[in-house]
Amino acid sequence: MILLEGKTLSTLEKERIRNEIRKEKGRINLTVILVGEDPSSKVYVSSKEKACQELGIDSRIIRLPESTTTEELINIIKDLNSNNTVNGILVQIPLPGHINEEEVLESIDPSKDVDCLHPYNMGRLLIGKPVVEPCTPKGIIKMLDHFNISIEKKKAVVIGRSNIVGKPIALMLMHRNATVTICHSKTQNLEREIQSADIVVAAIGKPLFVKDSMIKEGTIVIDVGITRMEDKANEKGYRLVGDVDFEAVSKKASAITPVPGGVGAMTIAMLMDNVIRLYRLQKERK
């Protein structure tokens, strides 16, 4: 069984990105907007800020109160769109419920959309000509390539249909000649679908959902989920688990990502890669 360690690979990727940044003469900037006080979002933003500092990317965090309106947020984004010193814009989601998330994401200049959430960029991804690729799916493909796991001709089952992970990873696997099925909460005979897969991508947000009985021997298992579960035996009082029952499933899988230390570690590295890609594209257009 191959343990697909994203943490180790992300270190290699960050070193590559750091060397590429050193070759650039200009300053590269990522601006992140955080609305409200969601604890998980604050942790994610802090991680992104730390990665920027490590790699030599200028980072700016715009922290806005929970009461910020859709119009106010869009006006801030419009200012960033016109600011030539800003190369990447990231709006941390989820946003507070009263804000129209769709309108906000559509207001980002596609050439500065590091998360690949603007409809233009999603459309480019659909036809196989992306400007940038969504960070988590991009990290998954990078991991499979690094560990010499072939995608072509494989049957892939993606559990989850979000715009951030489920839909884009399905497209990216299909572009690599996998036969892809997307499963979700309304899928009939879900277990049978998963059992047919050579590659399973679990991105459903339900801790320990995928059991060993759901997969066949030799399946490649990619676990995107991460949930903090209470664990009184742990000195922290909790443990982090994914959407996959790792202990049981790892005994049948031919390759599997751990949680933590798997897909999540690659996501931020790929975000940094997208920043420098957008910077170079913007420089070419000047």
C-alpha atoms as a PDB file:
ATOM      1  CA  MET A   1       0.000   0.000   0.000  1.00  0.00           C
ATOM      2  CA  ILE A   2       1.311   3.433  -0.986  1.00  0.00           C
ATOM      3  CA  LEU A   3       0.753   6.240   1.502  1.00  0.00           C
ATOM      4  CA  LEU A   4       0.138   9.344  -0.571  1.00  0.00           C
ATOM      5  CA  GLU A   5       1.839  11.882   1.658  1.00  0.00           C
ATOM      6  CA  GLY A   6       0.865  15.342   0.539  1.00  0.00           C
ATOM      7  CA  LYS A   7       2.878  16.965   3.298  1.00  0.00           C
ATOM      8  CA  THR A   8       6.176  15.711   1.888  1.00  0.00           C
ATOM      9  CA  LEU A   9       5.224  16.542  -1.693  1.00  0.00           C
ATOM     10  CA  SER A  10       3.999  20.020  -0.723  1.00  0.00           C
ATOM     11  CA  THR A  11       7.439  20.759   0.737  1.00  0.00           C
ATOM     12  CA  LEU A  12       9.019  19.889  -2.612  1.00  0.00           C
ATOM     13  CA  GLU A  13       6.449  21.957  -4.493  1.00  0.00           C
ATOM     14  CA  LYS A  14       6.959  24.964  -2.242  1.00  0.00           C
ATOM     15  CA  GLU A  15      10.712  24.802  -2.797  1.00  0.00           C
ATOM     16  CA  ARG A  16      10.135  24.742  -6.564  1.00  0.00           C
ATOM     17  CA  ILE A  17       7.764  27.709  -6.315  1.00  0.00           C
ATOM     18  CA  ARG A  18      10.194  29.606  -4.068  1.00  0.00           C
ATOM     19  CA  ASN A  19      12.948  29.187  -6.688  1.00  0.00           C
ATOM     20  CA  GLU A  20      10.620  30.394  -9.441  1.00  0.00           C
ATOM     21  CA  ILE A  21       9.656  33.466  -7.432  1.00  0.00           C
ATOM     22  CA  ARG A  22      13.336  34.330  -6.899  1.00  0.00           C
ATOM     23  CA  LYS A  23      13.739  34.547 -10.679  1.00  0.00           C
ATOM     24  CA  GLU A  24      11.021  37.185 -10.974  1.00  0.00           C
ATOM     25  CA  LYS A  25      12.026  40.835 -10.812  1.00  0.00           C
ATOM     26  CA  GLY A  26       8.697  42.245  -9.653  1.00  0.00           C
ATOM     27  CA  ARG A  27       6.764  41.802  -6.419  1.00  0.00           C
ATOM     28  CA  ILE A  28       4.011  39.203  -6.419  1.00  0.00           C
ATOM     29  CA  ASN A  29       0.905  39.924  -4.352  1.00  0.00           C
ATOM     30  CA  LEU A  30      -1.984  37.830  -3.058  1.00  0.00           C
ATOM     31  CA  THR A  31      -4.830  39.684  -1.360  1.00  0.00           C
ATOM     32  CA  VAL A  32      -7.235  37.658   0.793  1.00  0.00           C
ATOM     33  CA  ILE A  33     -10.600  38.945   2.017  1.00  0.00           C
ATOM     34  CA  LEU A  34     -11.987  37.497   5.244  1.00  0.00           C
ATOM     35  CA  VAL A  35     -15.515  38.448   6.284  1.00  0.00           C
ATOM     36  CA  GLY A  36     -16.659  37.711   9.820  1.00  0.00           C
ATOM     37  CA  GLU A  37     -15.193  35.614  12.626  1.00  0.00           C
ATOM     38  CA  ASP A  38     -15.604  32.006  11.450  1.00  0.00           C
ATOM     39  CA  PRO A  39     -12.878  30.072  13.361  1.00  0.00           C
ATOM     40  CA  SER A  40     -12.087  27.632  10.536  1.00  0.00           C
ATOM     41  CA  SER A  41     -11.847  30.433   7.981  1.00  0.00           C
ATOM     42  CA  LYS A  42      -9.469  32.358  10.241  1.00  0.00           C
ATOM     43  CA  VAL A  43      -7.215  29.289  10.502  1.00  0.00           C
ATOM     44  CA  TYR A  44      -7.218  28.806   6.714  1.00  0.00           C
ATOM     45  CA  VAL A  45      -6.399  32.456   6.085  1.00  0.00           C
ATOM     46  CA  SER A  46      -3.565  32.336   8.613  1.00  0.00           C
ATOM     47  CA  SER A  47      -2.124  29.281   6.828  1.00  0.00           C
ATOM     48  CA  LYS A  48      -2.228  31.090   3.492  1.00  0.00           C
ATOM     49  CA  GLU A  49      -0.549  34.154   4.977  1.00  0.00           C
ATOM     50  CA  LYS A  50       2.211  31.984   6.462  1.00  0.00           C
ATOM     51  CA  ALA A  51       2.805  30.224   3.139  1.00  0.00           C
ATOM     52  CA  CYS A  52       3.134  33.577   1.362  1.00  0.00           C
ATOM     53  CA  GLN A  53       5.714  34.729   3.893  1.00  0.00           C
ATOM     54  CA  GLU A  54       7.688  31.493   3.485  1.00  0.00           C
ATOM     55  CA  LEU A  55       7.820  31.735  -0.292  1.00  0.00           C
ATOM     56  CA  GLY A  56       8.385  35.455  -0.748  1.00  0.00           C
ATOM     57  CA  ILE A  57       4.903  36.456  -1.884  1.00  0.00           C
ATOM     58  CA  ASP A  58       3.478  39.719  -0.574  1.00  0.00           C
ATOM     59  CA  SER A  59       0.255  38.977   1.270  1.00  0.00           C
ATOM     60  CA  ARG A  60      -2.465  41.352   2.350  1.00  0.00           C
ATOM     61  CA  ILE A  61      -5.376  40.293   4.502  1.00  0.00           C
ATOM     62  CA  ILE A  62      -8.496  42.455   4.402  1.00  0.00           C
ATOM     63  CA  ARG A  63     -10.579  41.641   7.479  1.00  0.00           C
ATOM     64  CA  LEU A  64     -14.185  42.805   7.314  1.00  0.00           C
ATOM     65  CA  PRO A  65     -16.954  42.682   9.933  1.00  0.00           C
ATOM     66  CA  GLU A  66     -19.793  40.153   9.804  1.00  0.00           C
ATOM     67  CA  SER A  67     -22.180  43.019   8.967  1.00  0.00           C
ATOM     68  CA  THR A  68     -20.476  43.754   5.620  1.00  0.00           C
ATOM     69  CA  THR A  69     -23.015  43.879   2.787  1.00  0.00           C
ATOM     70  CA  THR A  70     -22.762  42.283  -0.647  1.00  0.00           C
ATOM     71  CA  GLU A  71     -22.454  45.718  -2.248  1.00  0.00           C
ATOM     72  CA  GLU A  72     -19.679  46.810   0.123  1.00  0.00           C
ATOM     73  CA  LEU A  73     -17.724  43.629  -0.525  1.00  0.00           C
ATOM     74  CA  ILE A  74     -18.088  43.907  -4.292  1.00  0.00           C
ATOM     75  CA  ASN A  75     -16.885  47.534  -4.208  1.00  0.00           C
ATOM     76  CA  ILE A  76     -13.733  46.435  -2.379  1.00  0.00           C
ATOM     77  CA  ILE A  77     -13.155  43.704  -4.963  1.00  0.00           C
ATOM     78  CA  LYS A  78     -13.601  46.207  -7.815  1.00  0.00           C
ATOM     79  CA  ASP A  79     -10.860  48.378  -6.284  1.00  0.00           C
ATOM     80  CA  LEU A  80      -8.563  45.343  -6.110  1.00  0.00           C
ATOM     81  CA  ASN A  81      -9.387  44.423  -9.717  1.00  0.00           C
ATOM     82  CA  SER A  82      -8.099  47.814 -10.873  1.00  0.00           C
ATOM     83  CA  ASN A  83      -5.031  47.767  -8.610  1.00  0.00           C
ATOM     84  CA  ASN A  84      -2.023  46.742 -10.715  1.00  0.00           C
ATOM     85  CA  THR A  85      -0.025  45.726  -7.633  1.00  0.00           C
ATOM     86  CA  VAL A  86      -2.562  42.970  -6.824  1.00  0.00           C
ATOM     87  CA  ASN A  87      -1.972  39.753  -8.762  1.00  0.00           C
ATOM     88  CA  GLY A  88      -4.343  37.387  -6.992  1.00  0.00           C
ATOM     89  CA  ILE A  89      -7.647  37.894  -5.168  1.00  0.00           C
ATOM     90  CA  LEU A  90      -9.118  35.282  -2.842  1.00  0.00           C
ATOM     91  CA  VAL A  91     -12.418  35.654  -1.004  1.00  0.00           C
ATOM     92  CA  GLN A  92     -12.481  33.193   1.877  1.00  0.00           C
ATOM     93  CA  ILE A  93     -15.675  31.157   1.810  1.00  0.00           C
ATOM     94  CA  PRO A  94     -18.141  30.401   3.211  1.00  0.00           C
ATOM     95  CA  LEU A  95     -19.362  33.969   3.492  1.00  0.00           C
ATOM     96  CA  PRO A  96     -21.975  35.083   6.041  1.00  0.00           C
ATOM     97  CA  GLY A  97     -25.461  33.973   4.993  1.00  0.00           C
ATOM     98  CA  HIS A  98     -26.748  37.437   4.088  1.00  0.00           C
ATOM     99  CA  ILE A  99     -24.036  37.956   1.444  1.00  0.00           C
ATOM    100  CA  ASN A 100     -24.730  36.802  -2.122  1.00  0.00           C
ATOM    101  CA  GLU A 101     -21.750  34.514  -2.667  1.00  0.00           C
ATOM    102  CA  GLU A 102     -22.425  34.037  -6.376  1.00  0.00           C
ATOM    103  CA  GLU A 103     -22.438  37.788  -7.080  1.00  0.00           C
ATOM    104  CA  VAL A 104     -19.268  38.259  -5.065  1.00  0.00           C
ATOM    105  CA  LEU A 105     -17.315  35.538  -6.872  1.00  0.00           C
ATOM    106  CA  GLU A 106     -18.492  36.802 -10.266  1.00  0.00           C
ATOM    107  CA  SER A 107     -17.170  40.281  -9.419  1.00  0.00           C
ATOM    108  CA  ILE A 108     -13.560  39.057  -9.226  1.00  0.00           C
ATOM    109  CA  ASP A 109     -11.468  39.763 -12.320  1.00  0.00           C
ATOM    110  CA  PRO A 110     -10.961  36.270 -13.858  1.00  0.00           C
ATOM    111  CA  SER A 111      -7.286  37.084 -14.444  1.00  0.00           C
ATOM    112  CA  LYS A 112      -6.870  37.504 -10.646  1.00  0.00           C
ATOM    113  CA  ASP A 113      -9.104  34.608  -9.567  1.00  0.00           C
ATOM    114  CA  VAL A 114      -6.633  32.290  -7.787  1.00  0.00           C
ATOM    115  CA  ASP A 115      -9.341  29.878  -6.612  1.00  0.00           C
ATOM    116  CA  CYS A 116     -10.757  29.345 -10.132  1.00  0.00           C
ATOM    117  CA  LEU A 117     -14.304  30.042  -8.957  1.00  0.00           C
ATOM    118  CA  HIS A 118     -15.315  32.673 -11.514  1.00  0.00           C
ATOM    119  CA  PRO A 119     -17.693  31.275 -14.182  1.00  0.00           C
ATOM    120  CA  TYR A 120     -15.219  32.254 -16.924  1.00  0.00           C
ATOM    121  CA  ASN A 121     -12.457  30.206 -15.334  1.00  0.00           C
ATOM    122  CA  MET A 122     -14.785  27.289 -14.609  1.00  0.00           C
ATOM    123  CA  GLY A 123     -15.815  27.397 -18.268  1.00  0.00           C
ATOM    124  CA  ARG A 124     -12.196  27.328 -19.413  1.00  0.00           C
ATOM    125  CA  LEU A 125     -11.637  24.339 -17.141  1.00  0.00           C
ATOM    126  CA  LEU A 126     -14.670  22.602 -18.654  1.00  0.00           C
ATOM    127  CA  ILE A 127     -13.230  22.762 -22.175  1.00  0.00           C
ATOM    128  CA  GLY A 128      -9.764  21.721 -21.004  1.00  0.00           C
ATOM    129  CA  LYS A 129      -8.081  25.111 -21.445  1.00  0.00           C
ATOM    130  CA  PRO A 130      -7.843  26.468 -17.885  1.00  0.00           C
ATOM    131  CA  VAL A 131      -6.314  29.785 -16.917  1.00  0.00           C
ATOM    132  CA  VAL A 132      -5.647  28.264 -13.505  1.00  0.00           C
ATOM    133  CA  GLU A 133      -7.051  25.119 -11.881  1.00  0.00           C
ATOM    134  CA  PRO A 134      -8.853  24.875  -8.525  1.00  0.00           C
ATOM    135  CA  CYS A 135      -6.263  24.337  -5.815  1.00  0.00           C
ATOM    136  CA  THR A 136      -7.460  21.119  -4.169  1.00  0.00           C
ATOM    137  CA  PRO A 137      -8.186  19.209  -7.415  1.00  0.00           C
ATOM    138  CA  LYS A 138      -4.900  20.474  -8.831  1.00  0.00           C
ATOM    139  CA  GLY A 139      -3.128  19.089  -5.758  1.00  0.00           C
ATOM    140  CA  ILE A 140      -4.830  15.710  -6.182  1.00  0.00           C
ATOM    141  CA  ILE A 141      -3.673  15.378  -9.794  1.00  0.00           C
ATOM    142  CA  LYS A 142      -0.178  16.475  -8.812  1.00  0.00           C
ATOM    143  CA  MET A 143      -0.071  13.768  -6.117  1.00  0.00           C
ATOM    144  CA  LEU A 144      -1.214  11.018  -8.467  1.00  0.00           C
ATOM    145  CA  ASP A 145       1.422  12.049 -11.008  1.00  0.00           C
ATOM    146  CA  HIS A 146       4.167  12.267  -8.373  1.00  0.00           C
ATOM    147  CA  PHE A 147       3.485   8.722  -7.169  1.00  0.00           C
ATOM    148  CA  ASN A 148       3.286   7.423 -10.757  1.00  0.00           C
ATOM    149  CA  ILE A 149      -0.368   6.425 -10.457  1.00  0.00           C
ATOM    150  CA  SER A 150      -1.943   6.187 -13.877  1.00  0.00           C
ATOM    151  CA  ILE A 151      -5.321   7.875 -14.379  1.00  0.00           C
ATOM    152  CA  GLU A 152      -5.961   6.894 -17.986  1.00  0.00           C
ATOM    153  CA  LYS A 153      -8.603   4.179 -18.525  1.00  0.00           C
ATOM    154  CA  LYS A 154      -9.402   4.040 -14.785  1.00  0.00           C
ATOM    155  CA  LYS A 155     -12.971   4.126 -13.458  1.00  0.00           C
ATOM    156  CA  ALA A 156     -13.115   7.070 -11.055  1.00  0.00           C
ATOM    157  CA  VAL A 157     -15.937   7.777  -8.616  1.00  0.00           C
ATOM    158  CA  VAL A 158     -16.135  11.248  -7.075  1.00  0.00           C
ATOM    159  CA  ILE A 159     -18.303  11.494  -3.955  1.00  0.00           C
ATOM    160  CA  GLY A 160     -19.478  15.098  -3.738  1.00  0.00           C
ATOM    161  CA  ARG A 161     -20.487  17.683  -6.338  1.00  0.00           C
ATOM    162  CA  SER A 162     -19.239  21.005  -4.950  1.00  0.00           C
ATOM    163  CA  ASN A 163     -17.881  23.703  -7.249  1.00  0.00           C
ATOM    164  CA  ILE A 164     -14.666  23.749  -5.214  1.00  0.00           C
ATOM    165  CA  VAL A 165     -13.732  20.050  -5.375  1.00  0.00           C
ATOM    166  CA  GLY A 166     -16.292  17.581  -6.710  1.00  0.00           C
ATOM    167  CA  LYS A 167     -17.130  19.042 -10.106  1.00  0.00           C
ATOM    168  CA  PRO A 168     -13.625  20.280 -11.033  1.00  0.00           C
ATOM    169  CA  ILE A 169     -11.803  17.085 -10.015  1.00  0.00           C
ATOM    170  CA  ALA A 170     -14.323  15.103 -12.078  1.00  0.00           C
ATOM    171  CA  LEU A 171     -13.487  17.273 -15.096  1.00  0.00           C
ATOM    172  CA  MET A 172      -9.746  17.046 -14.521  1.00  0.00           C
ATOM    173  CA  LEU A 173      -9.855  13.255 -14.202  1.00  0.00           C
ATOM    174  CA  MET A 174     -11.934  13.076 -17.371  1.00  0.00           C
ATOM    175  CA  HIS A 175      -9.407  15.256 -19.207  1.00  0.00           C
ATOM    176  CA  ARG A 176      -6.819  12.624 -18.211  1.00  0.00           C
ATOM    177  CA  ASN A 177      -8.949   9.915 -19.857  1.00  0.00           C
ATOM    178  CA  ALA A 178     -10.587   8.427 -16.781  1.00  0.00           C
ATOM    179  CA  THR A 179     -14.227   7.338 -16.917  1.00  0.00           C
ATOM    180  CA  VAL A 180     -15.867   9.415 -14.203  1.00  0.00           C
ATOM    181  CA  THR A 181     -19.031   9.062 -12.132  1.00  0.00           C
ATOM    182  CA  ILE A 182     -20.103  11.827  -9.730  1.00  0.00           C
ATOM    183  CA  CYS A 183     -22.078  10.632  -6.703  1.00  0.00           C
ATOM    184  CA  HIS A 184     -24.015  12.744  -4.218  1.00  0.00           C
ATOM    185  CA  SER A 185     -26.764  12.653  -1.607  1.00  0.00           C
ATOM    186  CA  LYS A 186     -29.408  11.655  -4.179  1.00  0.00           C
ATOM    187  CA  THR A 187     -27.392   8.879  -5.831  1.00  0.00           C
ATOM    188  CA  GLN A 188     -29.105   5.503  -5.810  1.00  0.00           C
ATOM    189  CA  ASN A 189     -27.036   2.412  -4.982  1.00  0.00           C
ATOM    190  CA  LEU A 190     -24.157   4.591  -3.813  1.00  0.00           C
ATOM    191  CA  GLU A 191     -22.200   1.720  -2.305  1.00  0.00           C
ATOM    192  CA  ARG A 192     -22.379  -0.238  -5.564  1.00  0.00           C
ATOM    193  CA  GLU A 193     -21.062   2.778  -7.479  1.00  0.00           C
ATOM    194  CA  ILE A 194     -18.117   3.166  -5.088  1.00  0.00           C
ATOM    195  CA  GLN A 195     -17.339  -0.565  -5.246  1.00  0.00           C
ATOM    196  CA  SER A 196     -16.953  -0.297  -9.031  1.00  0.00           C
ATOM    197  CA  ALA A 197     -14.217   2.334  -8.800  1.00  0.00           C
ATOM    198  CA  ASP A 198     -10.493   2.078  -9.429  1.00  0.00           C
ATOM    199  CA  ILE A 199     -10.098   5.588  -7.995  1.00  0.00           C
ATOM    200  CA  VAL A 200     -12.325   7.035  -5.260  1.00  0.00           C
ATOM    201  CA  VAL A 201     -12.267  10.744  -4.404  1.00  0.00           C
ATOM    202  CA  ALA A 202     -14.187  11.336  -1.170  1.00  0.00           C
ATOM    203  CA  ALA A 203     -15.269  14.967  -0.854  1.00  0.00           C
ATOM    204  CA  ILE A 204     -18.647  14.676   0.803  1.00  0.00           C
ATOM    205  CA  GLY A 205     -17.923  16.307   4.182  1.00  0.00           C
ATOM    206  CA  LYS A 206     -19.123  13.358   6.267  1.00  0.00           C
ATOM    207  CA  PRO A 207     -16.484  11.992   8.652  1.00  0.00           C
ATOM    208  CA  LEU A 208     -15.542   8.320   8.233  1.00  0.00           C
ATOM    209  CA  PHE A 209     -18.268   7.873   5.615  1.00  0.00           C
ATOM    210  CA  VAL A 210     -16.348   5.538   3.285  1.00  0.00           C
ATOM    211  CA  LYS A 211     -15.967   2.101   4.888  1.00  0.00           C
ATOM    212  CA  ASP A 212     -13.810  -0.815   3.778  1.00  0.00           C
ATOM    213  CA  SER A 213     -16.944  -2.695   2.652  1.00  0.00           C
ATOM    214  CA  MET A 214     -17.553   0.034   0.056  1.00  0.00           C
ATOM    215  CA  ILE A 215     -14.318  -0.422  -1.891  1.00  0.00           C
ATOM    216  CA  LYS A 216     -12.742  -3.259  -3.803  1.00  0.00           C
ATOM    217  CA  GLU A 217      -9.213  -4.544  -3.292  1.00  0.00           C
ATOM    218  CA  GLY A 218      -6.557  -2.332  -4.829  1.00  0.00           C
ATOM    219  CA  THR A 219      -8.602   0.874  -5.033  1.00  0.00           C
ATOM    220  CA  ILE A 220      -6.786   4.218  -5.025  1.00  0.00           C
ATOM    221  CA  VAL A 221      -8.451   6.349  -2.327  1.00  0.00           C
ATOM    222  CA  ILE A 222      -8.204  10.141  -2.172  1.00  0.00           C
ATOM    223  CA  ASP A 223      -9.680  11.647   1.014  1.00  0.00           C
ATOM    224  CA  VAL A 224     -10.472  15.353   0.733  1.00  0.00           C
ATOM    225  CA  GLY A 225     -12.509  15.638   3.944  1.00  0.00           C
ATOM    226  CA  ILE A 226     -11.270  16.874   7.297  1.00  0.00           C
ATOM    227  CA  THR A 227     -13.349  17.035  10.468  1.00  0.00           C
ATOM    228  CA  ARG A 228     -12.435  17.631  14.082  1.00  0.00           C
ATOM    229  CA  MET A 229     -13.923  14.837  16.186  1.00  0.00           C
ATOM    230  CA  GLU A 230     -14.050  14.743  19.963  1.00  0.00           C
ATOM    231  CA  ASP A 231     -11.532  12.302  21.425  1.00  0.00           C
ATOM    232  CA  LYS A 232     -11.060  12.384  25.181  1.00  0.00           C
ATOM    233  CA  ALA A 233      -8.162   9.935  24.941  1.00  0.00           C
ATOM    234  CA  ASN A 234      -6.214  12.478  22.914  1.00  0.00           C
ATOM    235  CA  GLU A 235      -4.369  15.176  24.878  1.00  0.00           C
ATOM    236  CA  LYS A 236      -5.860  17.814  22.555  1.00  0.00           C
ATOM    237  CA  GLY A 237      -9.351  16.507  23.265  1.00  0.00           C
ATOM    238  CA  TYR A 238      -9.986  15.874  19.584  1.00  0.00           C
ATOM    239  CA  ARG A 239      -8.584  14.172  16.505  1.00  0.00           C
ATOM    240  CA  LEU A 240      -8.739  15.046  12.830  1.00  0.00           C
ATOM    241  CA  VAL A 241     -10.420  12.546  10.544  1.00  0.00           C
ATOM    242  CA  GLY A 242     -11.374  12.486   6.901  1.00  0.00           C
ATOM    243  CA  ASP A 243     -14.352  11.243   4.934  1.00  0.00           C
ATOM    244  CA  VAL A 244     -12.698   7.812   4.794  1.00  0.00           C
ATOM    245  CA  ASP A 245     -12.304   5.269   7.602  1.00  0.00           C
ATOM    246  CA  PHE A 246      -8.545   5.227   7.122  1.00  0.00           C
ATOM    247  CA  GLU A 247      -7.640   2.346   9.455  1.00  0.00           C
ATOM    248  CA  ALA A 248     -10.023  -0.091   7.776  1.00  0.00           C
ATOM    249  CA  VAL A 249      -9.856   1.159   4.187  1.00  0.00           C
ATOM    250  CA  SER A 250      -6.042   1.309   4.095  1.00  0.00           C
ATOM    251  CA  LYS A 251      -5.962  -2.481   4.464  1.00  0.00           C
ATOM    252  CA  LYS A 252      -7.699  -2.866   1.084  1.00  0.00           C
ATOM    253  CA  ALA A 253      -6.494   0.190  -0.830  1.00  0.00           C
ATOM    254  CA  SER A 254      -3.432   0.098  -3.081  1.00  0.00           C
ATOM    255  CA  ALA A 255      -2.837   3.792  -2.325  1.00  0.00           C
ATOM    256  CA  ILE A 256      -4.484   6.208   0.095  1.00  0.00           C
ATOM    257  CA  THR A 257      -4.072   9.749   1.393  1.00  0.00           C
ATOM    258  CA  PRO A 258      -3.769  10.294   5.157  1.00  0.00           C
ATOM    259  CA  VAL A 259      -5.709  12.907   7.140  1.00  0.00           C
ATOM    260  CA  PRO A 260      -4.063  15.159   8.102  1.00  0.00           C
ATOM    261  CA  GLY A 261      -0.970  15.294   5.901  1.00  0.00           C
ATOM    262  CA  GLY A 262      -2.614  14.358   2.613  1.00  0.00           C
ATOM    263  CA  VAL A 263      -4.656  16.467   0.216  1.00  0.00           C
ATOM    264  CA  GLY A 264      -4.940  19.457   2.553  1.00  0.00           C
ATOM    265  CA  ALA A 265      -1.194  19.985   2.592  1.00  0.00           C
ATOM    266  CA  MET A 266      -1.158  20.234  -1.203  1.00  0.00           C
ATOM    267  CA  THR A 267      -3.989  22.750  -1.460  1.00  0.00           C
ATOM    268  CA  ILE A 268      -2.027  25.736  -0.187  1.00  0.00           C
ATOM    269  CA  ALA A 269       1.035  24.824  -2.259  1.00  0.00           C
ATOM    270  CA  MET A 270      -1.153  24.819  -5.371  1.00  0.00           C
ATOM    271  CA  LEU A 271      -2.643  28.166  -4.337  1.00  0.00           C
ATOM    272  CA  MET A 272       0.854  29.633  -4.301  1.00  0.00           C
ATOM    273  CA  ASP A 273       1.481  28.069  -7.715  1.00  0.00           C
ATOM    274  CA  ASN A 274      -1.665  29.736  -9.057  1.00  0.00           C
ATOM    275  CA  VAL A 275      -0.550  33.125  -7.740  1.00  0.00           C
ATOM    276  CA  ILE A 276       2.723  33.029  -9.635  1.00  0.00           C
ATOM    277  CA  ARG A 277       0.951  31.739 -12.763  1.00  0.00           C
ATOM    278  CA  LEU A 278      -1.482  34.663 -12.724  1.00  0.00           C
ATOM    279  CA  TYR A 279       1.375  37.081 -12.083  1.00  0.00           C
ATOM    280  CA  ARG A 280       3.184  35.825 -15.189  1.00  0.00           C
ATOM    281  CA  LEU A 281       0.072  35.965 -17.348  1.00  0.00           C
ATOM    282  CA  GLN A 282      -0.565  39.548 -16.243  1.00  0.00           C
ATOM    283  CA  LYS A 283       3.049  40.471 -16.966  1.00  0.00           C
ATOM    284  CA  GLU A 284       2.772  39.045 -20.497  1.00  0.00           C
ATOM    285  CA  ARG A 285      -0.242  41.252 -21.219  1.00  0.00           C
ATOM    286  CA  LYS A 286       1.472  44.500 -20.202  1.00  0.00           C
END
